Amino acid sequence: MSTERQLGLFGAAPAKSRLPYDICRRKSSRSTRGKRRDQPRESYLANEKVHPSKYRVRAQVLEWIRSRGSEGATADEVAAHFECSPNHTAPRISELKVLGELVDARDDQGQLVRRKTRGGCWARVLVCR
């Protein structure tokens, strides 16, 4: 698994990232039969386009969810707050989950907390660890 060194939010380089370079690449690099295949060109190009802003957007998403405390947020609420497509914020949310910064909210009985999205579907609520 490759890791990278990038400038942090305030210009300081983190010692080592625990996050693979592109977690979406990891998801799309296997065929349905379990054989390795090259990353699709479209996926590679999409990652190269968003790479410069990944860390900033990830930090903004985390800070906003943190500011909501135990109320947390769904991925749809994050996209609505930042007035952007869920396609822009969902990968950053996935990264935050992999890093252990975000977890599924649970009620007093240990059940997952869900809320309806703008489209009327149920979605998991995420909170900061």
N, C-alpha and C. Protein backbone atom coordinates (compact mmCIF):
# COMPACT_ATOMS: atom_id res chain seq x y z
N MET A 1 0.85 -1.17 0.00
CA MET A 1 0.00 0.00 0.00
C MET A 1 0.90 1.23 0.00
N SER A 2 0.69 2.12 -0.92
CA SER A 2 1.54 3.29 -0.99
C SER A 2 0.98 4.41 -0.12
N THR A 3 1.87 5.14 0.47
CA THR A 3 1.47 6.32 1.24
C THR A 3 2.17 7.51 0.63
N GLU A 4 1.77 8.69 1.02
CA GLU A 4 2.34 9.87 0.44
C GLU A 4 2.61 10.91 1.51
N ARG A 5 3.45 11.85 1.18
CA ARG A 5 3.72 12.98 2.05
C ARG A 5 3.08 14.20 1.38
N GLN A 6 2.25 14.89 2.10
CA GLN A 6 1.59 16.07 1.58
C GLN A 6 1.65 17.17 2.61
N LEU A 7 1.52 18.39 2.16
CA LEU A 7 1.43 19.48 3.10
C LEU A 7 0.11 19.38 3.83
N GLY A 8 0.15 19.59 5.14
CA GLY A 8 -1.05 19.56 5.94
C GLY A 8 -1.83 20.85 5.76
N LEU A 9 -2.85 21.04 6.58
CA LEU A 9 -3.71 22.21 6.48
C LEU A 9 -2.94 23.51 6.64
N PHE A 10 -1.97 23.52 7.53
CA PHE A 10 -1.28 24.75 7.85
C PHE A 10 0.14 24.77 7.32
N GLY A 11 0.42 23.97 6.29
CA GLY A 11 1.70 24.00 5.63
C GLY A 11 2.72 23.02 6.17
N ALA A 12 2.43 22.35 7.28
CA ALA A 12 3.37 21.39 7.85
C ALA A 12 3.13 20.03 7.23
N ALA A 13 4.19 19.36 6.84
CA ALA A 13 4.06 18.04 6.25
C ALA A 13 3.84 17.01 7.34
N PRO A 14 2.78 16.19 7.25
CA PRO A 14 2.58 15.14 8.23
C PRO A 14 3.68 14.09 8.11
N ALA A 15 3.96 13.41 9.21
CA ALA A 15 5.03 12.42 9.21
C ALA A 15 4.78 11.34 8.17
N LYS A 16 3.61 10.77 8.17
CA LYS A 16 3.26 9.75 7.20
C LYS A 16 1.74 9.61 7.19
N SER A 17 1.16 9.52 6.03
CA SER A 17 -0.27 9.37 5.92
C SER A 17 -0.65 7.91 6.13
N ARG A 18 -1.71 7.68 6.90
CA ARG A 18 -2.21 6.33 7.08
C ARG A 18 -3.20 5.98 5.98
N LEU A 19 -3.48 6.92 5.12
CA LEU A 19 -4.49 6.74 4.08
C LEU A 19 -3.81 6.38 2.76
N PRO A 20 -4.31 5.34 2.09
CA PRO A 20 -3.76 5.04 0.77
C PRO A 20 -3.91 6.26 -0.14
N TYR A 21 -3.09 6.33 -1.15
CA TYR A 21 -3.11 7.48 -2.05
C TYR A 21 -4.51 7.79 -2.55
N ASP A 22 -5.21 6.81 -3.01
CA ASP A 22 -6.56 7.02 -3.55
C ASP A 22 -7.41 5.82 -3.17
N ILE A 23 -8.27 5.98 -2.15
CA ILE A 23 -9.05 4.83 -1.70
C ILE A 23 -10.04 4.37 -2.76
N CYS A 24 -10.45 5.27 -3.63
CA CYS A 24 -11.36 4.86 -4.71
C CYS A 24 -10.64 3.97 -5.69
N ARG A 25 -9.35 4.20 -5.88
CA ARG A 25 -8.56 3.33 -6.76
C ARG A 25 -8.57 1.92 -6.21
N ARG A 26 -8.41 1.81 -4.91
CA ARG A 26 -8.39 0.49 -4.29
C ARG A 26 -9.72 -0.23 -4.54
N LYS A 27 -10.81 0.51 -4.51
CA LYS A 27 -12.12 -0.10 -4.74
C LYS A 27 -12.31 -0.51 -6.20
N SER A 28 -11.74 0.26 -7.12
CA SER A 28 -12.00 -0.01 -8.53
C SER A 28 -10.90 -0.81 -9.21
N SER A 29 -9.90 -1.25 -8.45
CA SER A 29 -8.78 -1.93 -9.10
C SER A 29 -8.94 -3.45 -9.14
N ARG A 30 -10.09 -3.95 -8.79
CA ARG A 30 -10.33 -5.39 -8.87
C ARG A 30 -11.52 -5.64 -9.80
N SER A 31 -11.39 -6.64 -10.61
CA SER A 31 -12.51 -6.99 -11.48
C SER A 31 -13.51 -7.80 -10.67
N THR A 32 -14.62 -8.12 -11.25
CA THR A 32 -15.64 -8.88 -10.54
C THR A 32 -15.20 -10.30 -10.24
N ARG A 33 -14.17 -10.77 -10.93
CA ARG A 33 -13.69 -12.14 -10.68
C ARG A 33 -12.49 -12.16 -9.75
N GLY A 34 -12.18 -11.02 -9.13
CA GLY A 34 -11.10 -10.98 -8.16
C GLY A 34 -9.71 -10.84 -8.75
N LYS A 35 -9.60 -10.70 -10.07
CA LYS A 35 -8.28 -10.54 -10.68
C LYS A 35 -7.90 -9.07 -10.69
N ARG A 36 -6.62 -8.81 -10.51
CA ARG A 36 -6.12 -7.43 -10.53
C ARG A 36 -6.24 -6.88 -11.95
N ARG A 37 -6.56 -5.63 -12.04
CA ARG A 37 -6.55 -4.95 -13.33
C ARG A 37 -6.09 -3.52 -13.09
N ASP A 38 -5.68 -2.88 -14.13
CA ASP A 38 -5.20 -1.51 -14.01
C ASP A 38 -6.34 -0.58 -13.63
N GLN A 39 -5.96 0.50 -12.95
CA GLN A 39 -6.95 1.50 -12.59
C GLN A 39 -7.53 2.12 -13.86
N PRO A 40 -8.85 2.25 -13.93
CA PRO A 40 -9.43 2.87 -15.12
C PRO A 40 -8.88 4.28 -15.32
N ARG A 41 -8.64 4.63 -16.56
CA ARG A 41 -8.08 5.95 -16.88
C ARG A 41 -8.95 7.07 -16.32
N GLU A 42 -10.26 6.93 -16.38
CA GLU A 42 -11.16 7.97 -15.90
C GLU A 42 -10.97 8.20 -14.40
N SER A 43 -10.81 7.11 -13.64
CA SER A 43 -10.60 7.21 -12.21
C SER A 43 -9.29 7.93 -11.90
N TYR A 44 -8.25 7.57 -12.64
CA TYR A 44 -6.94 8.20 -12.45
C TYR A 44 -7.03 9.70 -12.73
N LEU A 45 -7.66 10.07 -13.83
CA LEU A 45 -7.76 11.47 -14.21
C LEU A 45 -8.61 12.25 -13.22
N ALA A 46 -9.68 11.64 -12.74
CA ALA A 46 -10.54 12.31 -11.75
C ALA A 46 -9.76 12.57 -10.47
N ASN A 47 -8.97 11.60 -10.03
CA ASN A 47 -8.19 11.79 -8.81
C ASN A 47 -7.15 12.88 -9.00
N GLU A 48 -6.50 12.92 -10.15
CA GLU A 48 -5.49 13.95 -10.41
C GLU A 48 -6.12 15.34 -10.38
N LYS A 49 -7.36 15.45 -10.84
CA LYS A 49 -8.03 16.75 -10.88
C LYS A 49 -8.35 17.25 -9.47
N VAL A 50 -8.82 16.37 -8.59
CA VAL A 50 -9.23 16.81 -7.24
C VAL A 50 -8.10 16.76 -6.22
N HIS A 51 -6.99 16.13 -6.57
CA HIS A 51 -5.91 15.93 -5.61
C HIS A 51 -5.49 17.20 -4.87
N PRO A 52 -5.30 18.33 -5.52
CA PRO A 52 -4.86 19.52 -4.79
C PRO A 52 -5.82 19.98 -3.70
N SER A 53 -7.10 19.73 -3.85
CA SER A 53 -8.08 20.22 -2.87
C SER A 53 -8.56 19.16 -1.89
N LYS A 54 -8.10 17.93 -2.04
CA LYS A 54 -8.59 16.84 -1.20
C LYS A 54 -8.46 17.13 0.30
N TYR A 55 -7.29 17.58 0.70
CA TYR A 55 -7.01 17.76 2.13
C TYR A 55 -7.81 18.92 2.70
N ARG A 56 -7.95 19.98 1.94
CA ARG A 56 -8.73 21.13 2.39
C ARG A 56 -10.20 20.76 2.55
N VAL A 57 -10.76 20.09 1.56
CA VAL A 57 -12.17 19.69 1.62
C VAL A 57 -12.39 18.70 2.75
N ARG A 58 -11.48 17.75 2.91
CA ARG A 58 -11.61 16.77 3.99
C ARG A 58 -11.61 17.47 5.34
N ALA A 59 -10.75 18.44 5.53
CA ALA A 59 -10.69 19.18 6.80
C ALA A 59 -11.96 19.99 7.03
N GLN A 60 -12.49 20.60 5.97
CA GLN A 60 -13.72 21.38 6.10
C GLN A 60 -14.90 20.49 6.48
N VAL A 61 -14.99 19.34 5.84
CA VAL A 61 -16.08 18.40 6.15
C VAL A 61 -15.98 17.94 7.61
N LEU A 62 -14.79 17.56 8.02
CA LEU A 62 -14.60 17.10 9.39
C LEU A 62 -14.94 18.19 10.40
N GLU A 63 -14.48 19.40 10.16
CA GLU A 63 -14.75 20.50 11.09
C GLU A 63 -16.24 20.80 11.19
N TRP A 64 -16.95 20.76 10.06
CA TRP A 64 -18.38 21.05 10.09
C TRP A 64 -19.14 19.96 10.84
N ILE A 65 -18.81 18.71 10.59
CA ILE A 65 -19.49 17.63 11.32
C ILE A 65 -19.15 17.71 12.81
N ARG A 66 -17.90 18.02 13.12
CA ARG A 66 -17.50 18.18 14.53
C ARG A 66 -18.30 19.29 15.20
N SER A 67 -18.55 20.38 14.48
CA SER A 67 -19.29 21.51 15.05
C SER A 67 -20.74 21.13 15.37
N ARG A 68 -21.25 20.08 14.76
CA ARG A 68 -22.63 19.64 15.00
C ARG A 68 -22.74 18.72 16.21
N GLY A 69 -21.61 18.33 16.77
CA GLY A 69 -21.62 17.51 17.98
C GLY A 69 -22.31 16.18 17.77
N SER A 70 -23.13 15.80 18.75
CA SER A 70 -23.79 14.49 18.70
C SER A 70 -24.89 14.41 17.65
N GLU A 71 -25.31 15.56 17.11
CA GLU A 71 -26.32 15.55 16.04
C GLU A 71 -25.73 14.95 14.77
N GLY A 72 -24.43 15.15 14.52
CA GLY A 72 -23.77 14.59 13.35
C GLY A 72 -24.38 15.07 12.05
N ALA A 73 -24.14 14.32 10.99
CA ALA A 73 -24.66 14.69 9.68
C ALA A 73 -24.65 13.48 8.75
N THR A 74 -25.56 13.50 7.81
CA THR A 74 -25.55 12.50 6.74
C THR A 74 -24.68 13.05 5.60
N ALA A 75 -24.30 12.20 4.68
CA ALA A 75 -23.53 12.65 3.52
C ALA A 75 -24.33 13.68 2.72
N ASP A 76 -25.64 13.49 2.65
CA ASP A 76 -26.50 14.42 1.93
C ASP A 76 -26.51 15.79 2.61
N GLU A 77 -26.54 15.81 3.94
CA GLU A 77 -26.53 17.08 4.68
C GLU A 77 -25.20 17.81 4.48
N VAL A 78 -24.11 17.07 4.41
CA VAL A 78 -22.80 17.68 4.16
C VAL A 78 -22.81 18.36 2.79
N ALA A 79 -23.28 17.65 1.77
CA ALA A 79 -23.33 18.22 0.43
C ALA A 79 -24.25 19.44 0.38
N ALA A 80 -25.38 19.38 1.07
CA ALA A 80 -26.31 20.51 1.09
C ALA A 80 -25.67 21.72 1.79
N HIS A 81 -24.98 21.48 2.89
CA HIS A 81 -24.34 22.58 3.62
C HIS A 81 -23.30 23.28 2.76
N PHE A 82 -22.49 22.52 2.05
CA PHE A 82 -21.43 23.10 1.23
C PHE A 82 -21.91 23.47 -0.18
N GLU A 83 -23.21 23.28 -0.42
CA GLU A 83 -23.82 23.63 -1.70
C GLU A 83 -23.06 23.05 -2.88
N CYS A 84 -22.84 21.75 -2.80
CA CYS A 84 -22.12 21.07 -3.88
C CYS A 84 -22.72 19.68 -4.08
N SER A 85 -22.22 19.00 -5.06
CA SER A 85 -22.69 17.66 -5.36
C SER A 85 -22.21 16.67 -4.30
N PRO A 86 -23.02 15.66 -3.98
CA PRO A 86 -22.54 14.60 -3.09
C PRO A 86 -21.31 13.90 -3.67
N ASN A 87 -21.15 13.94 -5.00
CA ASN A 87 -19.96 13.35 -5.62
C ASN A 87 -18.68 14.07 -5.22
N HIS A 88 -18.80 15.29 -4.76
CA HIS A 88 -17.64 16.08 -4.32
C HIS A 88 -17.26 15.75 -2.88
N THR A 89 -18.26 15.51 -2.04
CA THR A 89 -17.97 15.30 -0.61
C THR A 89 -17.93 13.83 -0.21
N ALA A 90 -18.63 12.96 -0.91
CA ALA A 90 -18.68 11.55 -0.52
C ALA A 90 -17.30 10.89 -0.45
N PRO A 91 -16.39 11.13 -1.41
CA PRO A 91 -15.07 10.51 -1.28
C PRO A 91 -14.31 11.00 -0.05
N ARG A 92 -14.48 12.28 0.31
CA ARG A 92 -13.79 12.80 1.49
C ARG A 92 -14.38 12.19 2.76
N ILE A 93 -15.69 11.94 2.77
CA ILE A 93 -16.32 11.28 3.91
C ILE A 93 -15.80 9.85 4.02
N SER A 94 -15.67 9.17 2.90
CA SER A 94 -15.12 7.80 2.91
C SER A 94 -13.71 7.80 3.47
N GLU A 95 -12.91 8.76 3.08
CA GLU A 95 -11.54 8.86 3.61
C GLU A 95 -11.55 9.08 5.11
N LEU A 96 -12.43 9.95 5.59
CA LEU A 96 -12.50 10.22 7.03
C LEU A 96 -12.95 8.98 7.80
N LYS A 97 -13.81 8.18 7.20
CA LYS A 97 -14.22 6.93 7.84
C LYS A 97 -13.05 5.95 7.90
N VAL A 98 -12.29 5.83 6.82
CA VAL A 98 -11.13 4.94 6.79
C VAL A 98 -10.10 5.37 7.83
N LEU A 99 -9.92 6.68 7.97
CA LEU A 99 -8.96 7.21 8.95
C LEU A 99 -9.45 7.08 10.39
N GLY A 100 -10.73 6.73 10.56
CA GLY A 100 -11.28 6.59 11.91
C GLY A 100 -11.73 7.90 12.52
N GLU A 101 -11.80 8.95 11.72
CA GLU A 101 -12.23 10.26 12.23
C GLU A 101 -13.76 10.34 12.34
N LEU A 102 -14.46 9.63 11.47
CA LEU A 102 -15.92 9.60 11.49
C LEU A 102 -16.40 8.18 11.74
N VAL A 103 -17.47 8.07 12.52
CA VAL A 103 -18.08 6.76 12.79
C VAL A 103 -19.59 6.92 12.67
N ASP A 104 -20.28 5.80 12.51
CA ASP A 104 -21.74 5.82 12.46
C ASP A 104 -22.28 6.19 13.84
N ALA A 105 -23.27 7.07 13.87
CA ALA A 105 -23.92 7.45 15.12
C ALA A 105 -24.82 6.29 15.57
N ARG A 106 -24.89 6.09 16.87
CA ARG A 106 -25.75 5.04 17.44
C ARG A 106 -26.58 5.63 18.56
N ASP A 107 -27.80 5.11 18.71
CA ASP A 107 -28.66 5.58 19.79
C ASP A 107 -28.34 4.85 21.09
N ASP A 108 -29.14 5.09 22.13
CA ASP A 108 -28.89 4.50 23.45
C ASP A 108 -28.96 2.97 23.44
N GLN A 109 -29.70 2.40 22.49
CA GLN A 109 -29.82 0.95 22.39
C GLN A 109 -28.77 0.35 21.44
N GLY A 110 -27.88 1.19 20.92
CA GLY A 110 -26.83 0.70 20.04
C GLY A 110 -27.25 0.58 18.58
N GLN A 111 -28.44 1.06 18.26
CA GLN A 111 -28.93 0.99 16.88
C GLN A 111 -28.38 2.16 16.07
N LEU A 112 -28.15 1.92 14.77
CA LEU A 112 -27.69 2.99 13.88
C LEU A 112 -28.72 4.11 13.83
N VAL A 113 -28.25 5.34 13.86
CA VAL A 113 -29.12 6.50 13.72
C VAL A 113 -29.19 6.84 12.24
N ARG A 114 -30.40 7.03 11.74
CA ARG A 114 -30.61 7.35 10.33
C ARG A 114 -31.56 8.54 10.23
N ARG A 115 -31.37 9.31 9.15
CA ARG A 115 -32.27 10.41 8.84
C ARG A 115 -32.59 10.37 7.36
N LYS A 116 -33.71 10.98 7.01
CA LYS A 116 -34.09 11.03 5.60
C LYS A 116 -33.28 12.09 4.87
N THR A 117 -32.91 11.75 3.64
CA THR A 117 -32.19 12.69 2.78
C THR A 117 -33.19 13.61 2.10
N ARG A 118 -32.68 14.56 1.34
CA ARG A 118 -33.57 15.45 0.58
C ARG A 118 -34.41 14.67 -0.41
N GLY A 119 -33.91 13.54 -0.87
CA GLY A 119 -34.63 12.70 -1.82
C GLY A 119 -35.60 11.73 -1.16
N GLY A 120 -35.65 11.73 0.17
CA GLY A 120 -36.59 10.88 0.89
C GLY A 120 -36.06 9.50 1.26
N CYS A 121 -34.79 9.22 0.98
CA CYS A 121 -34.20 7.93 1.35
C CYS A 121 -33.57 8.04 2.74
N TRP A 122 -33.46 6.91 3.41
CA TRP A 122 -32.81 6.89 4.72
C TRP A 122 -31.31 6.82 4.55
N ALA A 123 -30.58 7.58 5.39
CA ALA A 123 -29.12 7.60 5.33
C ALA A 123 -28.55 7.56 6.74
N ARG A 124 -27.40 6.94 6.89
CA ARG A 124 -26.73 6.88 8.18
C ARG A 124 -26.23 8.25 8.58
N VAL A 125 -26.28 8.49 9.88
CA VAL A 125 -25.74 9.73 10.44
C VAL A 125 -24.31 9.43 10.91
N LEU A 126 -23.40 10.32 10.59
CA LEU A 126 -22.00 10.19 10.98
C LEU A 126 -21.65 11.22 12.03
N VAL A 127 -20.83 10.83 12.99
CA VAL A 127 -20.35 11.73 14.03
C VAL A 127 -18.83 11.59 14.14
N CYS A 128 -18.20 12.57 14.76
CA CYS A 128 -16.75 12.48 14.99
C CYS A 128 -16.48 11.51 16.11
N ARG A 129 -15.37 10.81 15.98
CA ARG A 129 -14.96 9.85 17.01
C ARG A 129 -14.58 10.60 18.25
